[in-house]
Amino acid sequence: MQQYKLPVTCPSCNSGLNVTQLTCPSCSTQVSGVFSLPALVRLPQEEQEFILQFFLTSGSLKEMASQLGISYPTVRNRLDDLIAKLKTIIPQE
């Protein structure tokens, strides 16, 4: 079975998409409304995988560098760039 990537931007105007309906696979109950996509879902797949790797290595940049085959400073820079990007996506209180 082919899995499709969840679209996060409009193919016509490139604006961010919202979820408008959720369906329970067990009982078919449907919930309608306008729901924002979570911040992490709005990131490109590569950045989502980087965050997952960060989590799975317990935040060890040294371990990430080893597993990804790149230098520690490169991992640090990617993390800093991702943090800056997330700060623009997540509303600050």
PDB file of N, CA and C in Angstrom:
ATOM      1  N   MET A   1       0.840  -1.171   0.000  1.00  0.00           N
ATOM      2  CA  MET A   1       0.000   0.000   0.000  1.00  0.00           C
ATOM      3  C   MET A   1       0.893   1.245   0.000  1.00  0.00           C
ATOM      4  N   GLN A   2       0.619   2.170  -0.904  1.00  0.00           N
ATOM      5  CA  GLN A   2       1.399   3.387  -1.009  1.00  0.00           C
ATOM      6  C   GLN A   2       0.958   4.391   0.045  1.00  0.00           C
ATOM      7  N   GLN A   3       1.926   4.984   0.737  1.00  0.00           N
ATOM      8  CA  GLN A   3       1.617   6.022   1.701  1.00  0.00           C
ATOM      9  C   GLN A   3       1.883   7.374   1.065  1.00  0.00           C
ATOM     10  N   TYR A   4       0.945   8.281   1.229  1.00  0.00           N
ATOM     11  CA  TYR A   4       1.088   9.623   0.692  1.00  0.00           C
ATOM     12  C   TYR A   4       1.549  10.555   1.797  1.00  0.00           C
ATOM     13  N   LYS A   5       2.400  11.504   1.446  1.00  0.00           N
ATOM     14  CA  LYS A   5       2.878  12.498   2.389  1.00  0.00           C
ATOM     15  C   LYS A   5       1.749  13.488   2.665  1.00  0.00           C
ATOM     16  N   LEU A   6       1.577  13.835   3.918  1.00  0.00           N
ATOM     17  CA  LEU A   6       0.554  14.799   4.313  1.00  0.00           C
ATOM     18  C   LEU A   6       0.918  16.162   3.729  1.00  0.00           C
ATOM     19  N   PRO A   7       0.053  16.736   2.899  1.00  0.00           N
ATOM     20  CA  PRO A   7       0.352  18.067   2.363  1.00  0.00           C
ATOM     21  C   PRO A   7       0.210  19.108   3.468  1.00  0.00           C
ATOM     22  N   VAL A   8       1.136  20.050   3.521  1.00  0.00           N
ATOM     23  CA  VAL A   8       1.070  21.093   4.538  1.00  0.00           C
ATOM     24  C   VAL A   8       0.917  22.480   3.929  1.00  0.00           C
ATOM     25  N   THR A   9       1.096  22.572   2.606  1.00  0.00           N
ATOM     26  CA  THR A   9       0.905  23.851   1.918  1.00  0.00           C
ATOM     27  C   THR A   9      -0.024  23.663   0.730  1.00  0.00           C
ATOM     28  N   CYS A  10      -0.728  24.731   0.393  1.00  0.00           N
ATOM     29  CA  CYS A  10      -1.664  24.718  -0.729  1.00  0.00           C
ATOM     30  C   CYS A  10      -0.897  24.574  -2.044  1.00  0.00           C
ATOM     31  N   PRO A  11      -1.290  23.629  -2.892  1.00  0.00           N
ATOM     32  CA  PRO A  11      -0.590  23.469  -4.163  1.00  0.00           C
ATOM     33  C   PRO A  11      -0.837  24.632  -5.124  1.00  0.00           C
ATOM     34  N   SER A  12      -1.845  25.435  -4.846  1.00  0.00           N
ATOM     35  CA  SER A  12      -2.168  26.555  -5.725  1.00  0.00           C
ATOM     36  C   SER A  12      -1.432  27.840  -5.335  1.00  0.00           C
ATOM     37  N   CYS A  13      -1.504  28.214  -4.042  1.00  0.00           N
ATOM     38  CA  CYS A  13      -0.932  29.503  -3.621  1.00  0.00           C
ATOM     39  C   CYS A  13       0.200  29.373  -2.605  1.00  0.00           C
ATOM     40  N   ASN A  14       0.497  28.146  -2.156  1.00  0.00           N
ATOM     41  CA  ASN A  14       1.586  27.852  -1.218  1.00  0.00           C
ATOM     42  C   ASN A  14       1.316  28.343   0.211  1.00  0.00           C
ATOM     43  N   SER A  15       0.083  28.707   0.539  1.00  0.00           N
ATOM     44  CA  SER A  15      -0.279  29.069   1.911  1.00  0.00           C
ATOM     45  C   SER A  15      -0.369  27.798   2.751  1.00  0.00           C
ATOM     46  N   GLY A  16      -0.237  27.949   4.065  1.00  0.00           N
ATOM     47  CA  GLY A  16      -0.359  26.806   4.956  1.00  0.00           C
ATOM     48  C   GLY A  16      -1.770  26.247   4.968  1.00  0.00           C
ATOM     49  N   LEU A  17      -1.886  24.927   5.045  1.00  0.00           N
ATOM     50  CA  LEU A  17      -3.190  24.269   5.093  1.00  0.00           C
ATOM     51  C   LEU A  17      -3.613  24.042   6.536  1.00  0.00           C
ATOM     52  N   ASN A  18      -4.918  23.930   6.768  1.00  0.00           N
ATOM     53  CA  ASN A  18      -5.497  23.556   8.053  1.00  0.00           C
ATOM     54  C   ASN A  18      -6.244  22.243   7.876  1.00  0.00           C
ATOM     55  N   VAL A  19      -6.364  21.501   8.949  1.00  0.00           N
ATOM     56  CA  VAL A  19      -7.166  20.283   8.953  1.00  0.00           C
ATOM     57  C   VAL A  19      -8.605  20.698   9.221  1.00  0.00           C
ATOM     58  N   THR A  20      -9.548  20.154   8.459  1.00  0.00           N
ATOM     59  CA  THR A  20     -10.949  20.532   8.666  1.00  0.00           C
ATOM     60  C   THR A  20     -11.824  19.362   9.100  1.00  0.00           C
ATOM     61  N   GLN A  21     -11.307  18.138   9.026  1.00  0.00           N
ATOM     62  CA  GLN A  21     -12.121  17.004   9.444  1.00  0.00           C
ATOM     63  C   GLN A  21     -11.221  15.879   9.933  1.00  0.00           C
ATOM     64  N   LEU A  22     -11.641  15.249  11.019  1.00  0.00           N
ATOM     65  CA  LEU A  22     -10.968  14.073  11.565  1.00  0.00           C
ATOM     66  C   LEU A  22     -11.991  12.949  11.636  1.00  0.00           C
ATOM     67  N   THR A  23     -11.543  11.730  11.326  1.00  0.00           N
ATOM     68  CA  THR A  23     -12.445  10.582  11.319  1.00  0.00           C
ATOM     69  C   THR A  23     -11.840   9.450  12.136  1.00  0.00           C
ATOM     70  N   CYS A  24     -12.648   8.861  12.997  1.00  0.00           N
ATOM     71  CA  CYS A  24     -12.214   7.708  13.784  1.00  0.00           C
ATOM     72  C   CYS A  24     -12.251   6.465  12.895  1.00  0.00           C
ATOM     73  N   PRO A  25     -11.141   5.741  12.760  1.00  0.00           N
ATOM     74  CA  PRO A  25     -11.142   4.556  11.909  1.00  0.00           C
ATOM     75  C   PRO A  25     -11.944   3.391  12.501  1.00  0.00           C
ATOM     76  N   SER A  26     -12.200   3.427  13.809  1.00  0.00           N
ATOM     77  CA  SER A  26     -12.936   2.332  14.441  1.00  0.00           C
ATOM     78  C   SER A  26     -14.448   2.457  14.285  1.00  0.00           C
ATOM     79  N   CYS A  27     -14.971   3.651  14.541  1.00  0.00           N
ATOM     80  CA  CYS A  27     -16.434   3.801  14.544  1.00  0.00           C
ATOM     81  C   CYS A  27     -16.952   4.810  13.519  1.00  0.00           C
ATOM     82  N   SER A  28     -16.057   5.405  12.762  1.00  0.00           N
ATOM     83  CA  SER A  28     -16.402   6.379  11.712  1.00  0.00           C
ATOM     84  C   SER A  28     -16.962   7.698  12.222  1.00  0.00           C
ATOM     85  N   THR A  29     -16.833   7.962  13.538  1.00  0.00           N
ATOM     86  CA  THR A  29     -17.230   9.269  14.054  1.00  0.00           C
ATOM     87  C   THR A  29     -16.371  10.332  13.379  1.00  0.00           C
ATOM     88  N   GLN A  30     -17.013  11.439  12.985  1.00  0.00           N
ATOM     89  CA  GLN A  30     -16.292  12.526  12.333  1.00  0.00           C
ATOM     90  C   GLN A  30     -16.390  13.796  13.170  1.00  0.00           C
ATOM     91  N   VAL A  31     -15.279  14.512  13.246  1.00  0.00           N
ATOM     92  CA  VAL A  31     -15.220  15.784  13.939  1.00  0.00           C
ATOM     93  C   VAL A  31     -14.804  16.822  12.906  1.00  0.00           C
ATOM     94  N   SER A  32     -15.604  17.883  12.782  1.00  0.00           N
ATOM     95  CA  SER A  32     -15.303  18.927  11.808  1.00  0.00           C
ATOM     96  C   SER A  32     -14.968  20.229  12.513  1.00  0.00           C
ATOM     97  N   GLY A  33     -14.141  21.031  11.895  1.00  0.00           N
ATOM     98  CA  GLY A  33     -13.742  22.328  12.426  1.00  0.00           C
ATOM     99  C   GLY A  33     -12.534  22.798  11.633  1.00  0.00           C
ATOM    100  N   VAL A  34     -11.859  23.785  12.151  1.00  0.00           N
ATOM    101  CA  VAL A  34     -10.628  24.255  11.522  1.00  0.00           C
ATOM    102  C   VAL A  34      -9.522  24.113  12.557  1.00  0.00           C
ATOM    103  N   PHE A  35      -8.618  23.179  12.296  1.00  0.00           N
ATOM    104  CA  PHE A  35      -7.548  22.861  13.227  1.00  0.00           C
ATOM    105  C   PHE A  35      -6.205  23.118  12.552  1.00  0.00           C
ATOM    106  N   SER A  36      -5.312  23.785  13.261  1.00  0.00           N
ATOM    107  CA  SER A  36      -3.970  24.023  12.728  1.00  0.00           C
ATOM    108  C   SER A  36      -3.152  22.740  12.800  1.00  0.00           C
ATOM    109  N   LEU A  37      -2.269  22.587  11.836  1.00  0.00           N
ATOM    110  CA  LEU A  37      -1.340  21.469  11.892  1.00  0.00           C
ATOM    111  C   LEU A  37      -0.293  21.753  12.965  1.00  0.00           C
ATOM    112  N   PRO A  38       0.129  20.734  13.705  1.00  0.00           N
ATOM    113  CA  PRO A  38       1.185  20.951  14.697  1.00  0.00           C
ATOM    114  C   PRO A  38       2.457  21.486  14.029  1.00  0.00           C
ATOM    115  N   ALA A  39       3.213  22.271  14.773  1.00  0.00           N
ATOM    116  CA  ALA A  39       4.419  22.919  14.226  1.00  0.00           C
ATOM    117  C   ALA A  39       5.382  21.907  13.608  1.00  0.00           C
ATOM    118  N   LEU A  40       5.606  20.787  14.271  1.00  0.00           N
ATOM    119  CA  LEU A  40       6.576  19.808  13.755  1.00  0.00           C
ATOM    120  C   LEU A  40       6.114  19.183  12.447  1.00  0.00           C
ATOM    121  N   VAL A  41       4.814  19.042  12.268  1.00  0.00           N
ATOM    122  CA  VAL A  41       4.276  18.470  11.033  1.00  0.00           C
ATOM    123  C   VAL A  41       4.498  19.427   9.862  1.00  0.00           C
ATOM    124  N   ARG A  42       4.539  20.706  10.143  1.00  0.00           N
ATOM    125  CA  ARG A  42       4.718  21.704   9.091  1.00  0.00           C
ATOM    126  C   ARG A  42       6.153  21.782   8.579  1.00  0.00           C
ATOM    127  N   LEU A  43       7.073  21.117   9.257  1.00  0.00           N
ATOM    128  CA  LEU A  43       8.466  21.106   8.813  1.00  0.00           C
ATOM    129  C   LEU A  43       8.659  20.094   7.683  1.00  0.00           C
ATOM    130  N   PRO A  44       9.648  20.330   6.823  1.00  0.00           N
ATOM    131  CA  PRO A  44       9.961  19.330   5.791  1.00  0.00           C
ATOM    132  C   PRO A  44      10.373  17.999   6.428  1.00  0.00           C
ATOM    133  N   GLN A  45      10.181  16.918   5.689  1.00  0.00           N
ATOM    134  CA  GLN A  45      10.468  15.570   6.181  1.00  0.00           C
ATOM    135  C   GLN A  45      11.891  15.448   6.737  1.00  0.00           C
ATOM    136  N   GLU A  46      12.855  16.031   6.051  1.00  0.00           N
ATOM    137  CA  GLU A  46      14.259  15.939   6.483  1.00  0.00           C
ATOM    138  C   GLU A  46      14.452  16.563   7.872  1.00  0.00           C
ATOM    139  N   GLU A  47      13.793  17.679   8.121  1.00  0.00           N
ATOM    140  CA  GLU A  47      13.909  18.328   9.423  1.00  0.00           C
ATOM    141  C   GLU A  47      13.167  17.544  10.502  1.00  0.00           C
ATOM    142  N   GLN A  48      12.046  16.925  10.152  1.00  0.00           N
ATOM    143  CA  GLN A  48      11.341  16.068  11.107  1.00  0.00           C
ATOM    144  C   GLN A  48      12.228  14.892  11.508  1.00  0.00           C
ATOM    145  N   GLU A  49      12.917  14.307  10.536  1.00  0.00           N
ATOM    146  CA  GLU A  49      13.803  13.181  10.814  1.00  0.00           C
ATOM    147  C   GLU A  49      14.983  13.611  11.681  1.00  0.00           C
ATOM    148  N   PHE A  50      15.490  14.822  11.463  1.00  0.00           N
ATOM    149  CA  PHE A  50      16.584  15.353  12.284  1.00  0.00           C
ATOM    150  C   PHE A  50      16.131  15.465  13.740  1.00  0.00           C
ATOM    151  N   ILE A  51      14.933  15.995  13.958  1.00  0.00           N
ATOM    152  CA  ILE A  51      14.400  16.128  15.317  1.00  0.00           C
ATOM    153  C   ILE A  51      14.215  14.756  15.959  1.00  0.00           C
ATOM    154  N   LEU A  52      13.706  13.803  15.203  1.00  0.00           N
ATOM    155  CA  LEU A  52      13.539  12.443  15.721  1.00  0.00           C
ATOM    156  C   LEU A  52      14.891  11.846  16.111  1.00  0.00           C
ATOM    157  N   GLN A  53      15.892  12.047  15.262  1.00  0.00           N
ATOM    158  CA  GLN A  53      17.245  11.550  15.561  1.00  0.00           C
ATOM    159  C   GLN A  53      17.780  12.210  16.830  1.00  0.00           C
ATOM    160  N   PHE A  54      17.536  13.513  16.979  1.00  0.00           N
ATOM    161  CA  PHE A  54      17.960  14.250  18.173  1.00  0.00           C
ATOM    162  C   PHE A  54      17.328  13.620  19.417  1.00  0.00           C
ATOM    163  N   PHE A  55      16.051  13.332  19.329  1.00  0.00           N
ATOM    164  CA  PHE A  55      15.328  12.721  20.440  1.00  0.00           C
ATOM    165  C   PHE A  55      15.876  11.322  20.744  1.00  0.00           C
ATOM    166  N   LEU A  56      16.065  10.515  19.696  1.00  0.00           N
ATOM    167  CA  LEU A  56      16.513   9.131  19.892  1.00  0.00           C
ATOM    168  C   LEU A  56      17.946   9.026  20.408  1.00  0.00           C
ATOM    169  N   THR A  57      18.736  10.075  20.219  1.00  0.00           N
ATOM    170  CA  THR A  57      20.100  10.076  20.756  1.00  0.00           C
ATOM    171  C   THR A  57      20.156  10.834  22.079  1.00  0.00           C
ATOM    172  N   SER A  58      19.000  11.058  22.682  1.00  0.00           N
ATOM    173  CA  SER A  58      18.884  11.784  23.954  1.00  0.00           C
ATOM    174  C   SER A  58      19.540  13.152  23.897  1.00  0.00           C
ATOM    175  N   GLY A  59      19.479  13.779  22.725  1.00  0.00           N
ATOM    176  CA  GLY A  59      20.032  15.120  22.580  1.00  0.00           C
ATOM    177  C   GLY A  59      21.545  15.170  22.460  1.00  0.00           C
ATOM    178  N   SER A  60      22.178  14.033  22.223  1.00  0.00           N
ATOM    179  CA  SER A  60      23.633  13.994  22.090  1.00  0.00           C
ATOM    180  C   SER A  60      24.036  14.391  20.674  1.00  0.00           C
ATOM    181  N   LEU A  61      24.546  15.613  20.534  1.00  0.00           N
ATOM    182  CA  LEU A  61      24.984  16.075  19.218  1.00  0.00           C
ATOM    183  C   LEU A  61      26.188  15.278  18.734  1.00  0.00           C
ATOM    184  N   LYS A  62      27.020  14.850  19.658  1.00  0.00           N
ATOM    185  CA  LYS A  62      28.186  14.030  19.310  1.00  0.00           C
ATOM    186  C   LYS A  62      27.728  12.701  18.700  1.00  0.00           C
ATOM    187  N   GLU A  63      26.739  12.078  19.322  1.00  0.00           N
ATOM    188  CA  GLU A  63      26.200  10.813  18.812  1.00  0.00           C
ATOM    189  C   GLU A  63      25.512  11.026  17.463  1.00  0.00           C
ATOM    190  N   MET A  64      24.787  12.135  17.323  1.00  0.00           N
ATOM    191  CA  MET A  64      24.129  12.434  16.045  1.00  0.00           C
ATOM    192  C   MET A  64      25.158  12.602  14.939  1.00  0.00           C
ATOM    193  N   ALA A  65      26.224  13.332  15.237  1.00  0.00           N
ATOM    194  CA  ALA A  65      27.272  13.544  14.234  1.00  0.00           C
ATOM    195  C   ALA A  65      27.848  12.209  13.790  1.00  0.00           C
ATOM    196  N   SER A  66      28.063  11.322  14.733  1.00  0.00           N
ATOM    197  CA  SER A  66      28.604  10.000  14.418  1.00  0.00           C
ATOM    198  C   SER A  66      27.628   9.205  13.554  1.00  0.00           C
ATOM    199  N   GLN A  67      26.360   9.188  13.935  1.00  0.00           N
ATOM    200  CA  GLN A  67      25.361   8.418  13.192  1.00  0.00           C
ATOM    201  C   GLN A  67      25.085   8.994  11.806  1.00  0.00           C
ATOM    202  N   LEU A  68      25.118  10.321  11.694  1.00  0.00           N
ATOM    203  CA  LEU A  68      24.830  10.962  10.414  1.00  0.00           C
ATOM    204  C   LEU A  68      26.059  11.089   9.524  1.00  0.00           C
ATOM    205  N   GLY A  69      27.230  10.834  10.096  1.00  0.00           N
ATOM    206  CA  GLY A  69      28.461  10.919   9.319  1.00  0.00           C
ATOM    207  C   GLY A  69      28.840  12.346   8.950  1.00  0.00           C
ATOM    208  N   ILE A  70      28.498  13.294   9.824  1.00  0.00           N
ATOM    209  CA  ILE A  70      28.858  14.693   9.599  1.00  0.00           C
ATOM    210  C   ILE A  70      29.532  15.226  10.856  1.00  0.00           C
ATOM    211  N   SER A  71      30.115  16.405  10.755  1.00  0.00           N
ATOM    212  CA  SER A  71      30.857  16.952  11.888  1.00  0.00           C
ATOM    213  C   SER A  71      29.922  17.480  12.972  1.00  0.00           C
ATOM    214  N   TYR A  72      30.443  17.547  14.180  1.00  0.00           N
ATOM    215  CA  TYR A  72      29.702  18.094  15.311  1.00  0.00           C
ATOM    216  C   TYR A  72      29.247  19.528  15.015  1.00  0.00           C
ATOM    217  N   PRO A  73      30.157  20.425  14.507  1.00  0.00           N
ATOM    218  CA  PRO A  73      29.707  21.791  14.211  1.00  0.00           C
ATOM    219  C   PRO A  73      28.574  21.837  13.179  1.00  0.00           C
ATOM    220  N   THR A  74      28.567  20.929  12.225  1.00  0.00           N
ATOM    221  CA  THR A  74      27.491  20.888  11.239  1.00  0.00           C
ATOM    222  C   THR A  74      26.169  20.529  11.907  1.00  0.00           C
ATOM    223  N   VAL A  75      26.207  19.540  12.798  1.00  0.00           N
ATOM    224  CA  VAL A  75      24.998  19.153  13.536  1.00  0.00           C
ATOM    225  C   VAL A  75      24.525  20.326  14.386  1.00  0.00           C
ATOM    226  N   ARG A  76      25.454  20.985  15.070  1.00  0.00           N
ATOM    227  CA  ARG A  76      25.111  22.136  15.916  1.00  0.00           C
ATOM    228  C   ARG A  76      24.462  23.239  15.087  1.00  0.00           C
ATOM    229  N   ASN A  77      25.028  23.530  13.917  1.00  0.00           N
ATOM    230  CA  ASN A  77      24.476  24.573  13.044  1.00  0.00           C
ATOM    231  C   ASN A  77      23.077  24.200  12.545  1.00  0.00           C
ATOM    232  N   ARG A  78      22.894  22.928  12.171  1.00  0.00           N
ATOM    233  CA  ARG A  78      21.565  22.484  11.717  1.00  0.00           C
ATOM    234  C   ARG A  78      20.547  22.619  12.841  1.00  0.00           C
ATOM    235  N   LEU A  79      20.955  22.269  14.056  1.00  0.00           N
ATOM    236  CA  LEU A  79      20.057  22.387  15.200  1.00  0.00           C
ATOM    237  C   LEU A  79      19.718  23.849  15.468  1.00  0.00           C
ATOM    238  N   ASP A  80      20.714  24.728  15.436  1.00  0.00           N
ATOM    239  CA  ASP A  80      20.467  26.155  15.650  1.00  0.00           C
ATOM    240  C   ASP A  80      19.529  26.717  14.584  1.00  0.00           C
ATOM    241  N   ASP A  81      19.738  26.315  13.323  1.00  0.00           N
ATOM    242  CA  ASP A  81      18.863  26.772  12.235  1.00  0.00           C
ATOM    243  C   ASP A  81      17.430  26.286  12.444  1.00  0.00           C
ATOM    244  N   LEU A  82      17.299  25.046  12.887  1.00  0.00           N
ATOM    245  CA  LEU A  82      15.973  24.469  13.120  1.00  0.00           C
ATOM    246  C   LEU A  82      15.270  25.153  14.287  1.00  0.00           C
ATOM    247  N   ILE A  83      16.009  25.463  15.338  1.00  0.00           N
ATOM    248  CA  ILE A  83      15.434  26.179  16.480  1.00  0.00           C
ATOM    249  C   ILE A  83      14.927  27.551  16.030  1.00  0.00           C
ATOM    250  N   ALA A  84      15.727  28.258  15.247  1.00  0.00           N
ATOM    251  CA  ALA A  84      15.319  29.572  14.742  1.00  0.00           C
ATOM    252  C   ALA A  84      14.070  29.455  13.881  1.00  0.00           C
ATOM    253  N   LYS A  85      14.012  28.429  13.049  1.00  0.00           N
ATOM    254  CA  LYS A  85      12.850  28.224  12.183  1.00  0.00           C
ATOM    255  C   LYS A  85      11.596  27.940  13.015  1.00  0.00           C
ATOM    256  N   LEU A  86      11.732  27.077  14.015  1.00  0.00           N
ATOM    257  CA  LEU A  86      10.584  26.739  14.868  1.00  0.00           C
ATOM    258  C   LEU A  86      10.084  27.957  15.629  1.00  0.00           C
ATOM    259  N   LYS A  87      10.986  28.853  16.001  1.00  0.00           N
ATOM    260  CA  LYS A  87      10.561  30.060  16.710  1.00  0.00           C
ATOM    261  C   LYS A  87       9.678  30.949  15.839  1.00  0.00           C
ATOM    262  N   THR A  88       9.825  30.851  14.518  1.00  0.00           N
ATOM    263  CA  THR A  88       8.964  31.631  13.631  1.00  0.00           C
ATOM    264  C   THR A  88       7.618  30.938  13.410  1.00  0.00           C
ATOM    265  N   ILE A  89       7.573  29.619  13.626  1.00  0.00           N
ATOM    266  CA  ILE A  89       6.350  28.849  13.416  1.00  0.00           C
ATOM    267  C   ILE A  89       5.482  28.830  14.682  1.00  0.00           C
ATOM    268  N   ILE A  90       6.117  28.662  15.835  1.00  0.00           N
ATOM    269  CA  ILE A  90       5.396  28.531  17.104  1.00  0.00           C
ATOM    270  C   ILE A  90       5.147  29.918  17.676  1.00  0.00           C
ATOM    271  N   PRO A  91       3.903  30.242  17.976  1.00  0.00           N
ATOM    272  CA  PRO A  91       3.626  31.553  18.583  1.00  0.00           C
ATOM    273  C   PRO A  91       4.307  31.674  19.945  1.00  0.00           C
ATOM    274  N   GLN A  92       5.000  32.777  20.146  1.00  0.00           N
ATOM    275  CA  GLN A  92       5.671  33.017  21.425  1.00  0.00           C
ATOM    276  C   GLN A  92       4.701  33.692  22.399  1.00  0.00           C
ATOM    277  N   GLU A  93       4.756  33.266  23.636  1.00  0.00           N
ATOM    278  CA  GLU A  93       3.864  33.845  24.669  1.00  0.00           C
ATOM    279  C   GLU A  93       4.513  35.029  25.314  1.00  0.00           C
TER     280      GLU A  93
END
